[in-house]
Amino acid sequence: MNTSPLVPMHVRPASGRSGPRFFINYRTSDEPFGAALIDTALCGRFGSDAVFFASRSLAPGRDFSAGILDAVTGASVVLVVIGPRWLEAVDRCGRSRLEDPGDWVRREIIEAFRGGARVVPVLLNCDLPAEHRLPVPLARLSTLQYLRLHHRNAGADLERLMRELGSIVSPLAQRSAE
């Protein structure tokens, strides 16, 4: 049994909910350790079946595209993990990855907006990107209330993240049960 005050075990996914409750969107070239830390805390608090983290959740041999799209459309909360190099990611030709319609980070966020998931930016040692720096389909991201996870306050920041996410999904779980 987990006795850590950081990830209390009293909240569980609503029964009958198909798919993950949380989807972690992150760029592997930008602070992936922060996304992994968030995954660990979420799994400890809500159970691993309620959290989609691609490197852990996709079974070997599973179609990556279908798995990602199924998970993001089934999520009620999508965490967009943004680090200091998130905006700077470029392809082999030097073009912004966020401008590429095939970029998975971009596709997942757009699908989350389209599907009505609660999108929560989680900032890792950086500021929220300004609207003018984002591609038009992602500009809405700059208007969303965010949470921070800073390496110097990781314990307290993770605790707040879990508390805030618990307050978001609690009403959703009640509605699902009705």
Protein backbone atom coordinates (compact mmCIF):
# COMPACT_ATOMS: atom_id res chain seq x y z
CA MET A 1 0.00 0.00 0.00
CA ASN A 2 1.25 3.47 -0.88
CA THR A 3 1.47 5.69 2.17
CA SER A 4 3.12 8.67 0.50
CA PRO A 5 1.36 11.97 1.30
CA LEU A 6 2.26 13.09 -2.22
CA VAL A 7 0.04 10.57 -3.97
CA PRO A 8 -2.87 9.49 -1.71
CA MET A 9 -4.73 6.43 -2.94
CA HIS A 10 -8.30 7.37 -1.95
CA VAL A 11 -9.40 8.62 -5.39
CA ARG A 12 -10.09 6.02 -8.05
CA PRO A 13 -11.38 6.22 -11.62
CA ALA A 14 -15.14 6.14 -12.07
CA SER A 15 -16.46 2.70 -12.86
CA GLY A 16 -17.65 2.16 -16.39
CA ARG A 17 -15.35 4.80 -17.86
CA SER A 18 -13.65 3.47 -20.93
CA GLY A 19 -10.17 4.66 -21.76
CA PRO A 20 -7.84 6.82 -19.74
CA ARG A 21 -8.98 9.68 -17.64
CA PHE A 22 -5.71 11.58 -18.07
CA PHE A 23 -3.58 11.94 -21.19
CA ILE A 24 -0.04 13.26 -20.88
CA ASN A 25 1.06 15.25 -23.93
CA TYR A 26 4.77 16.04 -24.03
CA ARG A 27 7.66 16.45 -26.41
CA THR A 28 10.42 13.88 -25.88
CA SER A 29 13.10 16.45 -26.74
CA ASP A 30 11.85 18.85 -24.04
CA GLU A 31 12.12 17.82 -20.38
CA PRO A 32 10.69 14.27 -20.72
CA PHE A 33 11.69 13.54 -17.13
CA GLY A 34 9.03 16.01 -15.92
CA ALA A 35 6.36 14.16 -17.91
CA ALA A 36 7.55 10.85 -16.45
CA LEU A 37 7.39 12.30 -12.94
CA ILE A 38 3.82 13.48 -13.57
CA ASP A 39 2.91 10.02 -14.91
CA THR A 40 4.28 8.35 -11.77
CA ALA A 41 2.35 10.70 -9.48
CA LEU A 42 -0.89 10.33 -11.44
CA CYS A 43 -0.63 6.54 -11.51
CA GLY A 44 -0.03 6.51 -7.77
CA ARG A 45 -3.06 8.68 -7.11
CA PHE A 46 -5.56 7.53 -9.75
CA GLY A 47 -4.25 4.14 -10.91
CA SER A 48 -2.23 3.34 -14.03
CA ASP A 49 -5.34 2.44 -16.04
CA ALA A 50 -6.56 6.01 -15.65
CA VAL A 51 -3.40 7.58 -17.11
CA PHE A 52 -2.13 7.43 -20.68
CA PHE A 53 1.60 7.99 -21.09
CA ALA A 54 2.63 6.72 -24.52
CA SER A 55 5.94 5.12 -23.60
CA ARG A 56 4.26 3.15 -20.80
CA SER A 57 0.72 2.71 -22.07
CA LEU A 58 1.18 1.52 -25.66
CA ALA A 59 1.80 -2.22 -25.87
CA PRO A 60 4.58 -3.39 -28.18
CA GLY A 61 3.22 -4.03 -31.66
CA ARG A 62 0.15 -1.83 -31.16
CA ASP A 63 -0.58 0.66 -33.90
CA PHE A 64 0.87 3.89 -32.51
CA SER A 65 -1.48 6.24 -34.39
CA ALA A 66 -4.64 4.41 -33.38
CA GLY A 67 -3.47 4.03 -29.79
CA ILE A 68 -2.67 7.71 -29.39
CA LEU A 69 -5.88 8.92 -31.02
CA ASP A 70 -8.04 6.46 -29.04
CA ALA A 71 -6.41 7.60 -25.82
CA VAL A 72 -6.66 11.34 -26.41
CA THR A 73 -10.30 11.14 -27.52
CA GLY A 74 -11.11 9.05 -24.43
CA ALA A 75 -9.43 11.41 -21.99
CA SER A 76 -11.32 13.87 -19.85
CA VAL A 77 -8.14 15.79 -18.93
CA VAL A 78 -5.16 16.36 -21.23
CA LEU A 79 -2.00 17.64 -19.58
CA VAL A 80 0.18 19.59 -22.01
CA VAL A 81 3.66 19.43 -20.51
CA ILE A 82 5.66 22.44 -21.70
CA GLY A 83 9.34 22.90 -20.98
CA PRO A 84 11.84 25.57 -21.99
CA ARG A 85 12.52 24.00 -25.43
CA TRP A 86 8.91 23.16 -26.33
CA LEU A 87 8.48 26.04 -28.78
CA GLU A 88 11.97 25.64 -30.22
CA ALA A 89 11.55 22.08 -31.52
CA VAL A 90 12.28 21.92 -35.25
CA ASP A 91 12.25 19.23 -37.90
CA ARG A 92 15.24 18.19 -40.06
CA CYS A 93 14.73 21.18 -42.31
CA GLY A 94 14.64 23.67 -39.44
CA ARG A 95 10.84 24.26 -39.52
CA SER A 96 8.87 24.53 -36.30
CA ARG A 97 7.43 21.15 -35.33
CA LEU A 98 4.30 22.86 -33.97
CA GLU A 99 3.62 24.26 -37.47
CA ASP A 100 3.65 20.75 -38.95
CA PRO A 101 0.10 19.29 -39.12
CA GLY A 102 1.64 15.82 -38.70
CA ASP A 103 3.44 16.66 -35.45
CA TRP A 104 2.04 14.44 -32.69
CA VAL A 105 2.22 17.06 -29.95
CA ARG A 106 0.17 19.42 -32.13
CA ARG A 107 -2.27 16.69 -33.24
CA GLU A 108 -2.93 15.55 -29.67
CA ILE A 109 -3.67 19.08 -28.45
CA ILE A 110 -5.98 19.83 -31.39
CA GLU A 111 -7.81 16.53 -30.82
CA ALA A 112 -8.17 17.36 -27.12
CA PHE A 113 -9.73 20.74 -27.97
CA ARG A 114 -11.98 19.12 -30.57
CA GLY A 115 -13.10 16.38 -28.17
CA GLY A 116 -13.93 18.72 -25.32
CA ALA A 117 -11.30 17.48 -22.87
CA ARG A 118 -10.10 19.81 -20.16
CA VAL A 119 -6.68 20.93 -21.38
CA VAL A 120 -4.26 21.90 -18.64
CA PRO A 121 -0.83 23.30 -19.51
CA VAL A 122 1.84 22.17 -17.04
CA LEU A 123 4.89 24.40 -17.18
CA LEU A 124 8.32 22.95 -16.41
CA ASN A 125 10.71 25.76 -15.52
CA CYS A 126 9.30 28.09 -18.17
CA ASP A 127 6.47 30.49 -18.94
CA LEU A 128 3.30 29.85 -20.92
CA PRO A 129 3.91 30.61 -24.62
CA ALA A 130 2.35 33.84 -25.82
CA GLU A 131 -0.53 33.51 -28.29
CA HIS A 132 1.41 35.14 -31.14
CA ARG A 133 4.14 32.47 -30.83
CA LEU A 134 1.72 29.58 -31.32
CA PRO A 135 0.20 28.26 -34.55
CA VAL A 136 -3.43 29.38 -34.91
CA PRO A 137 -4.92 25.94 -34.06
CA LEU A 138 -2.98 25.97 -30.77
CA ALA A 139 -3.37 29.66 -29.86
CA ARG A 140 -6.16 28.85 -27.38
CA LEU A 141 -3.51 27.16 -25.24
CA SER A 142 -2.12 30.58 -24.27
CA THR A 143 -5.44 31.54 -22.63
CA LEU A 144 -5.72 28.51 -20.35
CA GLN A 145 -4.94 28.53 -16.67
CA TYR A 146 -1.79 26.52 -16.12
CA LEU A 147 0.03 24.76 -13.32
CA ARG A 148 3.77 24.82 -12.68
CA LEU A 149 6.19 22.06 -11.86
CA HIS A 150 9.57 23.46 -10.91
CA HIS A 151 12.55 21.31 -10.02
CA ARG A 152 13.19 23.28 -6.83
CA ASN A 153 9.62 22.77 -5.57
CA ALA A 154 8.82 19.43 -7.20
CA GLY A 155 7.22 17.85 -4.13
CA ALA A 156 4.90 20.76 -3.35
CA ASP A 157 4.18 21.39 -7.03
CA LEU A 158 3.27 17.72 -7.65
CA GLU A 159 1.08 17.71 -4.56
CA ARG A 160 -0.77 20.79 -5.85
CA LEU A 161 -1.07 19.25 -9.32
CA MET A 162 -2.65 16.09 -7.87
CA ARG A 163 -5.01 18.14 -5.67
CA GLU A 164 -6.09 20.37 -8.58
CA LEU A 165 -6.59 17.42 -10.93
CA GLY A 166 -8.56 15.59 -8.25
CA SER A 167 -10.91 18.57 -7.99
CA ILE A 168 -11.34 18.59 -11.78
CA VAL A 169 -12.15 14.89 -12.15
CA SER A 170 -14.28 14.52 -9.03
CA PRO A 171 -17.32 16.27 -10.61
CA LEU A 172 -16.71 14.32 -13.83
CA ALA A 173 -16.75 11.04 -11.91
CA GLN A 174 -19.99 12.04 -10.17
CA ARG A 175 -21.63 12.85 -13.52
CA SER A 176 -20.47 9.50 -14.95
CA ALA A 177 -21.99 7.64 -12.00
CA GLU A 178 -25.40 9.32 -12.40
